[in-house]
């Protein structure tokens, strides 16, 4: 059967934003779904309101005009992502959830 593409305006998790952060790049993302979890606003990048072109334009202009800001956001992004989203941190978070789910409770 042919595939059907359904557009969405909600991202479950901003994986590409995490990938950019680990490479020391500042990011801009919409304030929807899991994206705000991946962007530390005004530290790793900017968030904008969905469908607000002026918000997005302003964020782009600020980053394009300020090399020091890009560098500051990028450096912070690298450490932020390592601290919150590294493989070891994610594995420990998953193990914690599994332990909670498999905990035997007295009846």
PDB file of N, CA and C in Angstrom:
ATOM      1  N   UNK A   1       0.830  -1.184   0.000  1.00  0.00           N
ATOM      2  CA  UNK A   1       0.000   0.000   0.000  1.00  0.00           C
ATOM      3  C   UNK A   1       0.872   1.243   0.000  1.00  0.00           C
ATOM      4  N   UNK A   2       0.464   2.250  -0.716  1.00  0.00           N
ATOM      5  CA  UNK A   2       1.250   3.488  -0.693  1.00  0.00           C
ATOM      6  C   UNK A   2       1.223   4.124   0.689  1.00  0.00           C
ATOM      7  N   UNK A   3       2.329   4.730   1.052  1.00  0.00           N
ATOM      8  CA  UNK A   3       2.399   5.416   2.339  1.00  0.00           C
ATOM      9  C   UNK A   3       1.576   6.695   2.303  1.00  0.00           C
ATOM     10  N   UNK A   4       1.141   7.082   3.452  1.00  0.00           N
ATOM     11  CA  UNK A   4       0.388   8.336   3.555  1.00  0.00           C
ATOM     12  C   UNK A   4       1.123   9.243   4.522  1.00  0.00           C
ATOM     13  N   UNK A   5       1.482  10.405   4.061  1.00  0.00           N
ATOM     14  CA  UNK A   5       2.194  11.367   4.891  1.00  0.00           C
ATOM     15  C   UNK A   5       1.176  12.280   5.544  1.00  0.00           C
ATOM     16  N   UNK A   6       1.263  12.385   6.845  1.00  0.00           N
ATOM     17  CA  UNK A   6       0.366  13.261   7.587  1.00  0.00           C
ATOM     18  C   UNK A   6       1.201  14.338   8.258  1.00  0.00           C
ATOM     19  N   UNK A   7       1.009  15.594   7.853  1.00  0.00           N
ATOM     20  CA  UNK A   7       1.791  16.658   8.488  1.00  0.00           C
ATOM     21  C   UNK A   7       1.397  16.822   9.952  1.00  0.00           C
ATOM     22  N   UNK A   8       2.362  17.196  10.746  1.00  0.00           N
ATOM     23  CA  UNK A   8       2.090  17.428  12.158  1.00  0.00           C
ATOM     24  C   UNK A   8       2.830  18.675  12.615  1.00  0.00           C
ATOM     25  N   UNK A   9       2.282  19.324  13.597  1.00  0.00           N
ATOM     26  CA  UNK A   9       2.930  20.500  14.153  1.00  0.00           C
ATOM     27  C   UNK A   9       3.423  20.230  15.565  1.00  0.00           C
ATOM     28  N   UNK A  10       3.445  18.957  15.946  1.00  0.00           N
ATOM     29  CA  UNK A  10       3.897  18.588  17.283  1.00  0.00           C
ATOM     30  C   UNK A  10       5.028  17.585  17.155  1.00  0.00           C
ATOM     31  N   UNK A  11       6.154  17.908  17.740  1.00  0.00           N
ATOM     32  CA  UNK A  11       7.317  17.026  17.758  1.00  0.00           C
ATOM     33  C   UNK A  11       7.332  16.326  19.101  1.00  0.00           C
ATOM     34  N   UNK A  12       7.357  14.987  19.086  1.00  0.00           N
ATOM     35  CA  UNK A  12       7.375  14.240  20.339  1.00  0.00           C
ATOM     36  C   UNK A  12       8.606  14.533  21.169  1.00  0.00           C
ATOM     37  N   UNK A  13       9.743  14.637  20.501  1.00  0.00           N
ATOM     38  CA  UNK A  13      10.991  14.958  21.187  1.00  0.00           C
ATOM     39  C   UNK A  13      11.933  15.567  20.163  1.00  0.00           C
ATOM     40  N   UNK A  14      12.622  16.617  20.544  1.00  0.00           N
ATOM     41  CA  UNK A  14      13.486  17.342  19.617  1.00  0.00           C
ATOM     42  C   UNK A  14      14.868  16.727  19.467  1.00  0.00           C
ATOM     43  N   UNK A  15      14.937  15.517  18.907  1.00  0.00           N
ATOM     44  CA  UNK A  15      16.226  14.823  18.775  1.00  0.00           C
ATOM     45  C   UNK A  15      17.245  15.631  17.977  1.00  0.00           C
ATOM     46  N   UNK A  16      16.817  16.271  16.908  1.00  0.00           N
ATOM     47  CA  UNK A  16      17.763  17.037  16.096  1.00  0.00           C
ATOM     48  C   UNK A  16      18.325  18.218  16.889  1.00  0.00           C
ATOM     49  N   UNK A  17      17.552  18.744  17.825  1.00  0.00           N
ATOM     50  CA  UNK A  17      18.039  19.836  18.670  1.00  0.00           C
ATOM     51  C   UNK A  17      19.112  19.335  19.635  1.00  0.00           C
ATOM     52  N   UNK A  18      18.936  18.119  20.129  1.00  0.00           N
ATOM     53  CA  UNK A  18      19.936  17.496  20.995  1.00  0.00           C
ATOM     54  C   UNK A  18      21.212  17.236  20.199  1.00  0.00           C
ATOM     55  N   UNK A  19      21.060  16.740  18.973  1.00  0.00           N
ATOM     56  CA  UNK A  19      22.224  16.485  18.118  1.00  0.00           C
ATOM     57  C   UNK A  19      22.986  17.778  17.835  1.00  0.00           C
ATOM     58  N   UNK A  20      22.264  18.857  17.587  1.00  0.00           N
ATOM     59  CA  UNK A  20      22.920  20.152  17.358  1.00  0.00           C
ATOM     60  C   UNK A  20      23.649  20.601  18.615  1.00  0.00           C
ATOM     61  N   UNK A  21      23.008  20.436  19.764  1.00  0.00           N
ATOM     62  CA  UNK A  21      23.614  20.854  21.025  1.00  0.00           C
ATOM     63  C   UNK A  21      24.911  20.138  21.325  1.00  0.00           C
ATOM     64  N   UNK A  22      24.955  18.832  21.082  1.00  0.00           N
ATOM     65  CA  UNK A  22      26.174  18.067  21.381  1.00  0.00           C
ATOM     66  C   UNK A  22      27.322  18.508  20.467  1.00  0.00           C
ATOM     67  N   UNK A  23      26.975  19.117  19.343  1.00  0.00           N
ATOM     68  CA  UNK A  23      27.991  19.641  18.424  1.00  0.00           C
ATOM     69  C   UNK A  23      28.277  21.124  18.682  1.00  0.00           C
ATOM     70  N   UNK A  24      27.702  21.648  19.774  1.00  0.00           N
ATOM     71  CA  UNK A  24      27.976  23.026  20.156  1.00  0.00           C
ATOM     72  C   UNK A  24      27.285  24.064  19.302  1.00  0.00           C
ATOM     73  N   UNK A  25      26.124  23.721  18.791  1.00  0.00           N
ATOM     74  CA  UNK A  25      25.378  24.656  17.941  1.00  0.00           C
ATOM     75  C   UNK A  25      24.156  25.186  18.681  1.00  0.00           C
ATOM     76  N   UNK A  26      23.905  26.482  18.602  1.00  0.00           N
ATOM     77  CA  UNK A  26      22.679  27.030  19.194  1.00  0.00           C
ATOM     78  C   UNK A  26      21.482  26.596  18.352  1.00  0.00           C
ATOM     79  N   UNK A  27      20.308  26.593  18.953  1.00  0.00           N
ATOM     80  CA  UNK A  27      19.125  26.107  18.246  1.00  0.00           C
ATOM     81  C   UNK A  27      17.954  27.072  18.393  1.00  0.00           C
ATOM     82  N   UNK A  28      17.010  26.916  17.494  1.00  0.00           N
ATOM     83  CA  UNK A  28      15.745  27.637  17.546  1.00  0.00           C
ATOM     84  C   UNK A  28      14.657  26.597  17.341  1.00  0.00           C
ATOM     85  N   UNK A  29      13.688  26.569  18.241  1.00  0.00           N
ATOM     86  CA  UNK A  29      12.614  25.588  18.124  1.00  0.00           C
ATOM     87  C   UNK A  29      11.280  26.164  18.542  1.00  0.00           C
ATOM     88  N   UNK A  30      10.223  25.562  18.017  1.00  0.00           N
ATOM     89  CA  UNK A  30       8.867  25.991  18.377  1.00  0.00           C
ATOM     90  C   UNK A  30       8.516  25.483  19.769  1.00  0.00           C
ATOM     91  N   UNK A  31       7.721  26.238  20.453  1.00  0.00           N
ATOM     92  CA  UNK A  31       7.289  25.887  21.805  1.00  0.00           C
ATOM     93  C   UNK A  31       6.105  24.915  21.711  1.00  0.00           C
ATOM     94  N   UNK A  32       6.372  23.687  21.227  1.00  0.00           N
ATOM     95  CA  UNK A  32       5.353  22.643  21.091  1.00  0.00           C
ATOM     96  C   UNK A  32       5.959  21.286  21.435  1.00  0.00           C
ATOM     97  N   UNK A  33       5.105  20.357  21.834  1.00  0.00           N
ATOM     98  CA  UNK A  33       5.530  18.987  22.083  1.00  0.00           C
ATOM     99  C   UNK A  33       6.724  18.909  23.012  1.00  0.00           C
ATOM    100  N   UNK A  34       7.695  18.079  22.645  1.00  0.00           N
ATOM    101  CA  UNK A  34       8.873  17.872  23.470  1.00  0.00           C
ATOM    102  C   UNK A  34      10.012  18.834  23.195  1.00  0.00           C
ATOM    103  N   UNK A  35       9.826  19.741  22.264  1.00  0.00           N
ATOM    104  CA  UNK A  35      10.907  20.663  21.909  1.00  0.00           C
ATOM    105  C   UNK A  35      11.365  21.516  23.089  1.00  0.00           C
ATOM    106  N   UNK A  36      10.469  22.088  23.895  1.00  0.00           N
ATOM    107  CA  UNK A  36      10.947  22.885  25.031  1.00  0.00           C
ATOM    108  C   UNK A  36      11.787  22.088  26.030  1.00  0.00           C
ATOM    109  N   UNK A  37      11.634  20.774  26.058  1.00  0.00           N
ATOM    110  CA  UNK A  37      12.468  19.949  26.935  1.00  0.00           C
ATOM    111  C   UNK A  37      13.908  19.893  26.425  1.00  0.00           C
ATOM    112  N   UNK A  38      14.077  20.043  25.118  1.00  0.00           N
ATOM    113  CA  UNK A  38      15.397  19.955  24.509  1.00  0.00           C
ATOM    114  C   UNK A  38      16.106  21.301  24.412  1.00  0.00           C
ATOM    115  N   UNK A  39      15.375  22.388  24.575  1.00  0.00           N
ATOM    116  CA  UNK A  39      15.948  23.730  24.452  1.00  0.00           C
ATOM    117  C   UNK A  39      15.838  24.447  25.791  1.00  0.00           C
ATOM    118  N   UNK A  40      16.973  24.831  26.346  1.00  0.00           N
ATOM    119  CA  UNK A  40      16.986  25.638  27.568  1.00  0.00           C
ATOM    120  C   UNK A  40      16.929  27.082  27.078  1.00  0.00           C
ATOM    121  N   UNK A  41      15.762  27.676  27.173  1.00  0.00           N
ATOM    122  CA  UNK A  41      15.524  28.980  26.559  1.00  0.00           C
ATOM    123  C   UNK A  41      16.495  30.046  27.056  1.00  0.00           C
ATOM    124  N   UNK A  42      17.043  30.775  26.099  1.00  0.00           N
ATOM    125  CA  UNK A  42      18.013  31.847  26.337  1.00  0.00           C
ATOM    126  C   UNK A  42      19.332  31.347  26.923  1.00  0.00           C
ATOM    127  N   UNK A  43      19.559  30.039  26.859  1.00  0.00           N
ATOM    128  CA  UNK A  43      20.835  29.454  27.296  1.00  0.00           C
ATOM    129  C   UNK A  43      21.432  28.587  26.189  1.00  0.00           C
ATOM    130  N   UNK A  44      20.597  27.753  25.555  1.00  0.00           N
ATOM    131  CA  UNK A  44      21.067  26.910  24.450  1.00  0.00           C
ATOM    132  C   UNK A  44      20.490  27.383  23.122  1.00  0.00           C
ATOM    133  N   UNK A  45      19.524  28.280  23.196  1.00  0.00           N
ATOM    134  CA  UNK A  45      18.879  28.783  21.988  1.00  0.00           C
ATOM    135  C   UNK A  45      17.599  29.509  22.327  1.00  0.00           C
ATOM    136  N   UNK A  46      16.762  29.645  21.324  1.00  0.00           N
ATOM    137  CA  UNK A  46      15.500  30.366  21.481  1.00  0.00           C
ATOM    138  C   UNK A  46      14.317  29.465  21.173  1.00  0.00           C
ATOM    139  N   UNK A  47      13.222  29.727  21.847  1.00  0.00           N
ATOM    140  CA  UNK A  47      11.941  29.103  21.537  1.00  0.00           C
ATOM    141  C   UNK A  47      11.028  30.179  20.973  1.00  0.00           C
ATOM    142  N   UNK A  48      10.181  29.788  20.044  1.00  0.00           N
ATOM    143  CA  UNK A  48       9.212  30.731  19.495  1.00  0.00           C
ATOM    144  C   UNK A  48       7.827  30.109  19.525  1.00  0.00           C
ATOM    145  N   UNK A  49       6.824  30.961  19.522  1.00  0.00           N
ATOM    146  CA  UNK A  49       5.444  30.488  19.514  1.00  0.00           C
ATOM    147  C   UNK A  49       5.116  29.926  18.136  1.00  0.00           C
ATOM    148  N   UNK A  50       4.474  28.758  18.098  1.00  0.00           N
ATOM    149  CA  UNK A  50       4.122  28.156  16.809  1.00  0.00           C
ATOM    150  C   UNK A  50       3.305  29.126  15.952  1.00  0.00           C
ATOM    151  N   UNK A  51       3.614  29.115  14.682  1.00  0.00           N
ATOM    152  CA  UNK A  51       2.914  29.925  13.688  1.00  0.00           C
ATOM    153  C   UNK A  51       3.109  31.427  13.887  1.00  0.00           C
ATOM    154  N   UNK A  52       4.045  31.826  14.748  1.00  0.00           N
ATOM    155  CA  UNK A  52       4.333  33.243  14.944  1.00  0.00           C
ATOM    156  C   UNK A  52       5.611  33.576  14.171  1.00  0.00           C
ATOM    157  N   UNK A  53       5.418  34.019  12.947  1.00  0.00           N
ATOM    158  CA  UNK A  53       6.545  34.291  12.058  1.00  0.00           C
ATOM    159  C   UNK A  53       7.442  35.386  12.622  1.00  0.00           C
ATOM    160  N   UNK A  54       6.864  36.377  13.266  1.00  0.00           N
ATOM    161  CA  UNK A  54       7.669  37.461  13.841  1.00  0.00           C
ATOM    162  C   UNK A  54       8.588  36.939  14.944  1.00  0.00           C
ATOM    163  N   UNK A  55       8.076  36.043  15.781  1.00  0.00           N
ATOM    164  CA  UNK A  55       8.878  35.408  16.838  1.00  0.00           C
ATOM    165  C   UNK A  55      10.059  34.646  16.241  1.00  0.00           C
ATOM    166  N   UNK A  56       9.776  33.843  15.224  1.00  0.00           N
ATOM    167  CA  UNK A  56      10.820  33.054  14.565  1.00  0.00           C
ATOM    168  C   UNK A  56      11.835  33.969  13.896  1.00  0.00           C
ATOM    169  N   UNK A  57      11.359  34.973  13.201  1.00  0.00           N
ATOM    170  CA  UNK A  57      12.250  35.919  12.522  1.00  0.00           C
ATOM    171  C   UNK A  57      13.168  36.617  13.515  1.00  0.00           C
ATOM    172  N   UNK A  58      12.608  37.046  14.623  1.00  0.00           N
ATOM    173  CA  UNK A  58      13.396  37.725  15.655  1.00  0.00           C
ATOM    174  C   UNK A  58      14.496  36.821  16.201  1.00  0.00           C
ATOM    175  N   UNK A  59      14.156  35.568  16.469  1.00  0.00           N
ATOM    176  CA  UNK A  59      15.150  34.617  16.981  1.00  0.00           C
ATOM    177  C   UNK A  59      16.264  34.399  15.962  1.00  0.00           C
ATOM    178  N   UNK A  60      15.896  34.224  14.707  1.00  0.00           N
ATOM    179  CA  UNK A  60      16.902  34.032  13.651  1.00  0.00           C
ATOM    180  C   UNK A  60      17.803  35.255  13.524  1.00  0.00           C
ATOM    181  N   UNK A  61      17.208  36.431  13.511  1.00  0.00           N
ATOM    182  CA  UNK A  61      17.992  37.661  13.371  1.00  0.00           C
ATOM    183  C   UNK A  61      18.964  37.841  14.532  1.00  0.00           C
ATOM    184  N   UNK A  62      18.515  37.528  15.744  1.00  0.00           N
ATOM    185  CA  UNK A  62      19.401  37.675  16.912  1.00  0.00           C
ATOM    186  C   UNK A  62      20.614  36.762  16.797  1.00  0.00           C
ATOM    187  N   UNK A  63      20.390  35.511  16.420  1.00  0.00           N
ATOM    188  CA  UNK A  63      21.527  34.592  16.299  1.00  0.00           C
ATOM    189  C   UNK A  63      22.427  34.958  15.128  1.00  0.00           C
ATOM    190  N   UNK A  64      21.840  35.328  14.012  1.00  0.00           N
ATOM    191  CA  UNK A  64      22.650  35.681  12.848  1.00  0.00           C
ATOM    192  C   UNK A  64      23.507  36.920  13.093  1.00  0.00           C
ATOM    193  N   UNK A  65      23.008  37.852  13.885  1.00  0.00           N
ATOM    194  CA  UNK A  65      23.701  39.124  14.103  1.00  0.00           C
ATOM    195  C   UNK A  65      24.761  39.074  15.196  1.00  0.00           C
ATOM    196  N   UNK A  66      24.787  38.027  15.997  1.00  0.00           N
ATOM    197  CA  UNK A  66      25.637  38.036  17.190  1.00  0.00           C
ATOM    198  C   UNK A  66      26.470  36.758  17.315  1.00  0.00           C
ATOM    199  N   UNK A  67      27.689  36.814  16.805  1.00  0.00           N
ATOM    200  CA  UNK A  67      28.576  35.648  16.847  1.00  0.00           C
ATOM    201  C   UNK A  67      28.905  35.234  18.278  1.00  0.00           C
ATOM    202  N   UNK A  68      29.060  36.210  19.170  1.00  0.00           N
ATOM    203  CA  UNK A  68      29.354  35.877  20.570  1.00  0.00           C
ATOM    204  C   UNK A  68      28.193  35.125  21.212  1.00  0.00           C
ATOM    205  N   UNK A  69      26.979  35.530  20.899  1.00  0.00           N
ATOM    206  CA  UNK A  69      25.800  34.843  21.435  1.00  0.00           C
ATOM    207  C   UNK A  69      25.731  33.411  20.907  1.00  0.00           C
ATOM    208  N   UNK A  70      26.009  33.232  19.613  1.00  0.00           N
ATOM    209  CA  UNK A  70      26.022  31.876  19.041  1.00  0.00           C
ATOM    210  C   UNK A  70      27.040  31.004  19.753  1.00  0.00           C
ATOM    211  N   UNK A  71      28.210  31.557  19.995  1.00  0.00           N
ATOM    212  CA  UNK A  71      29.263  30.797  20.668  1.00  0.00           C
ATOM    213  C   UNK A  71      28.870  30.481  22.112  1.00  0.00           C
ATOM    214  N   UNK A  72      28.331  31.458  22.827  1.00  0.00           N
ATOM    215  CA  UNK A  72      27.907  31.254  24.219  1.00  0.00           C
ATOM    216  C   UNK A  72      26.821  30.193  24.300  1.00  0.00           C
ATOM    217  N   UNK A  73      25.789  30.323  23.462  1.00  0.00           N
ATOM    218  CA  UNK A  73      24.708  29.332  23.447  1.00  0.00           C
ATOM    219  C   UNK A  73      25.252  27.953  23.071  1.00  0.00           C
ATOM    220  N   UNK A  74      26.114  27.908  22.071  1.00  0.00           N
ATOM    221  CA  UNK A  74      26.669  26.628  21.618  1.00  0.00           C
ATOM    222  C   UNK A  74      27.483  25.932  22.693  1.00  0.00           C
ATOM    223  N   UNK A  75      28.323  26.683  23.387  1.00  0.00           N
ATOM    224  CA  UNK A  75      29.126  26.095  24.467  1.00  0.00           C
ATOM    225  C   UNK A  75      28.246  25.581  25.596  1.00  0.00           C
ATOM    226  N   UNK A  76      27.238  26.367  25.962  1.00  0.00           N
ATOM    227  CA  UNK A  76      26.330  25.931  27.023  1.00  0.00           C
ATOM    228  C   UNK A  76      25.533  24.713  26.562  1.00  0.00           C
ATOM    229  N   UNK A  77      25.126  24.720  25.295  1.00  0.00           N
ATOM    230  CA  UNK A  77      24.349  23.599  24.755  1.00  0.00           C
ATOM    231  C   UNK A  77      25.121  22.290  24.865  1.00  0.00           C
ATOM    232  N   UNK A  78      26.405  22.333  24.543  1.00  0.00           N
ATOM    233  CA  UNK A  78      27.214  21.110  24.601  1.00  0.00           C
ATOM    234  C   UNK A  78      27.212  20.532  26.015  1.00  0.00           C
ATOM    235  N   UNK A  79      27.460  21.354  27.021  1.00  0.00           N
ATOM    236  CA  UNK A  79      27.495  20.844  28.396  1.00  0.00           C
ATOM    237  C   UNK A  79      26.097  20.461  28.884  1.00  0.00           C
ATOM    238  N   UNK A  80      25.086  21.201  28.489  1.00  0.00           N
ATOM    239  CA  UNK A  80      23.700  20.916  28.877  1.00  0.00           C
ATOM    240  C   UNK A  80      23.251  19.553  28.342  1.00  0.00           C
ATOM    241  N   UNK A  81      23.552  19.297  27.084  1.00  0.00           N
ATOM    242  CA  UNK A  81      23.158  18.021  26.472  1.00  0.00           C
ATOM    243  C   UNK A  81      23.916  16.865  27.113  1.00  0.00           C
ATOM    244  N   UNK A  82      25.209  17.024  27.338  1.00  0.00           N
ATOM    245  CA  UNK A  82      25.978  15.954  27.988  1.00  0.00           C
ATOM    246  C   UNK A  82      25.425  15.646  29.373  1.00  0.00           C
ATOM    247  N   UNK A  83      25.032  16.690  30.092  1.00  0.00           N
ATOM    248  CA  UNK A  83      24.527  16.523  31.457  1.00  0.00           C
ATOM    249  C   UNK A  83      23.144  15.882  31.496  1.00  0.00           C
ATOM    250  N   UNK A  84      22.288  16.207  30.543  1.00  0.00           N
ATOM    251  CA  UNK A  84      20.898  15.743  30.585  1.00  0.00           C
ATOM    252  C   UNK A  84      20.570  14.610  29.635  1.00  0.00           C
ATOM    253  N   UNK A  85      21.305  14.472  28.524  1.00  0.00           N
ATOM    254  CA  UNK A  85      20.881  13.547  27.483  1.00  0.00           C
ATOM    255  C   UNK A  85      21.964  12.572  27.027  1.00  0.00           C
ATOM    256  N   UNK A  86      23.045  12.439  27.778  1.00  0.00           N
ATOM    257  CA  UNK A  86      24.079  11.484  27.381  1.00  0.00           C
ATOM    258  C   UNK A  86      23.517  10.068  27.471  1.00  0.00           C
ATOM    259  N   UNK A  87      24.178   9.130  26.814  1.00  0.00           N
ATOM    260  CA  UNK A  87      23.727   7.735  26.848  1.00  0.00           C
ATOM    261  C   UNK A  87      23.639   7.218  28.269  1.00  0.00           C
ATOM    262  N   UNK A  88      24.630   7.531  29.095  1.00  0.00           N
ATOM    263  CA  UNK A  88      24.624   7.013  30.466  1.00  0.00           C
ATOM    264  C   UNK A  88      23.481   7.609  31.285  1.00  0.00           C
ATOM    265  N   UNK A  89      23.216   8.890  31.107  1.00  0.00           N
ATOM    266  CA  UNK A  89      22.108   9.524  31.832  1.00  0.00           C
ATOM    267  C   UNK A  89      20.775   8.946  31.364  1.00  0.00           C
ATOM    268  N   UNK A  90      20.605   8.802  30.062  1.00  0.00           N
ATOM    269  CA  UNK A  90      19.352   8.257  29.537  1.00  0.00           C
ATOM    270  C   UNK A  90      19.165   6.804  29.973  1.00  0.00           C
ATOM    271  N   UNK A  91      20.244   6.026  29.984  1.00  0.00           N
ATOM    272  CA  UNK A  91      20.146   4.632  30.433  1.00  0.00           C
ATOM    273  C   UNK A  91      19.733   4.573  31.900  1.00  0.00           C
ATOM    274  N   UNK A  92      20.318   5.414  32.719  1.00  0.00           N
ATOM    275  CA  UNK A  92      19.956   5.431  34.142  1.00  0.00           C
ATOM    276  C   UNK A  92      18.501   5.857  34.332  1.00  0.00           C
ATOM    277  N   UNK A  93      18.053   6.840  33.572  1.00  0.00           N
ATOM    278  CA  UNK A  93      16.647   7.252  33.648  1.00  0.00           C
ATOM    279  C   UNK A  93      15.714   6.110  33.252  1.00  0.00           C
ATOM    280  N   UNK A  94      16.077   5.393  32.191  1.00  0.00           N
ATOM    281  CA  UNK A  94      15.263   4.250  31.763  1.00  0.00           C
ATOM    282  C   UNK A  94      15.254   3.153  32.816  1.00  0.00           C
ATOM    283  N   UNK A  95      16.404   2.888  33.420  1.00  0.00           N
ATOM    284  CA  UNK A  95      16.466   1.863  34.469  1.00  0.00           C
ATOM    285  C   UNK A  95      15.607   2.266  35.666  1.00  0.00           C
ATOM    286  N   UNK A  96      15.625   3.527  36.010  1.00  0.00           N
ATOM    287  CA  UNK A  96      14.800   4.010  37.119  1.00  0.00           C
ATOM    288  C   UNK A  96      13.316   3.750  36.827  1.00  0.00           C
ATOM    289  N   UNK A  97      12.899   4.055  35.616  1.00  0.00           N
ATOM    290  CA  UNK A  97      11.502   3.817  35.230  1.00  0.00           C
ATOM    291  C   UNK A  97      11.180   2.330  35.284  1.00  0.00           C
ATOM    292  N   UNK A  98      12.077   1.500  34.753  1.00  0.00           N
ATOM    293  CA  UNK A  98      11.843   0.049  34.781  1.00  0.00           C
ATOM    294  C   UNK A  98      11.768  -0.479  36.206  1.00  0.00           C
ATOM    295  N   UNK A  99      12.625   0.026  37.072  1.00  0.00           N
ATOM    296  CA  UNK A  99      12.573  -0.404  38.479  1.00  0.00           C
ATOM    297  C   UNK A  99      11.235  -0.028  39.110  1.00  0.00           C
ATOM    298  N   UNK A 100      10.766   1.164  38.799  1.00  0.00           N
ATOM    299  CA  UNK A 100       9.471   1.597  39.334  1.00  0.00           C
ATOM    300  C   UNK A 100       8.334   0.723  38.807  1.00  0.00           C
ATOM    301  N   UNK A 101       8.404   0.378  37.539  1.00  0.00           N
ATOM    302  CA  UNK A 101       7.344  -0.428  36.931  1.00  0.00           C
ATOM    303  C   UNK A 101       7.335  -1.870  37.421  1.00  0.00           C
ATOM    304  N   UNK A 102       8.504  -2.374  37.774  1.00  0.00           N
ATOM    305  CA  UNK A 102       8.589  -3.784  38.181  1.00  0.00           C
ATOM    306  C   UNK A 102       8.645  -3.962  39.686  1.00  0.00           C
ATOM    307  N   UNK A 103       8.513  -2.889  40.407  1.00  0.00           N
ATOM    308  CA  UNK A 103       8.544  -2.972  41.863  1.00  0.00           C
ATOM    309  C   UNK A 103       7.361  -3.810  42.348  1.00  0.00           C
ATOM    310  N   UNK A 104       7.663  -4.747  43.220  1.00  0.00           N
ATOM    311  CA  UNK A 104       6.619  -5.586  43.803  1.00  0.00           C
ATOM    312  C   UNK A 104       6.075  -4.859  45.021  1.00  0.00           C
ATOM    313  N   UNK A 105       4.782  -4.665  45.029  1.00  0.00           N
ATOM    314  CA  UNK A 105       4.161  -3.997  46.173  1.00  0.00           C
ATOM    315  C   UNK A 105       3.404  -5.025  47.006  1.00  0.00           C
ATOM    316  N   UNK A 106       3.445  -4.887  48.322  1.00  0.00           N
ATOM    317  CA  UNK A 106       2.722  -5.830  49.179  1.00  0.00           C
ATOM    318  C   UNK A 106       1.223  -5.764  48.902  1.00  0.00           C
ATOM    319  N   UNK A 107       0.564  -6.916  48.946  1.00  0.00           N
ATOM    320  CA  UNK A 107      -0.877  -6.928  48.686  1.00  0.00           C
ATOM    321  C   UNK A 107      -1.678  -6.875  49.954  1.00  0.00           C
TER     322      UNK A 107
END
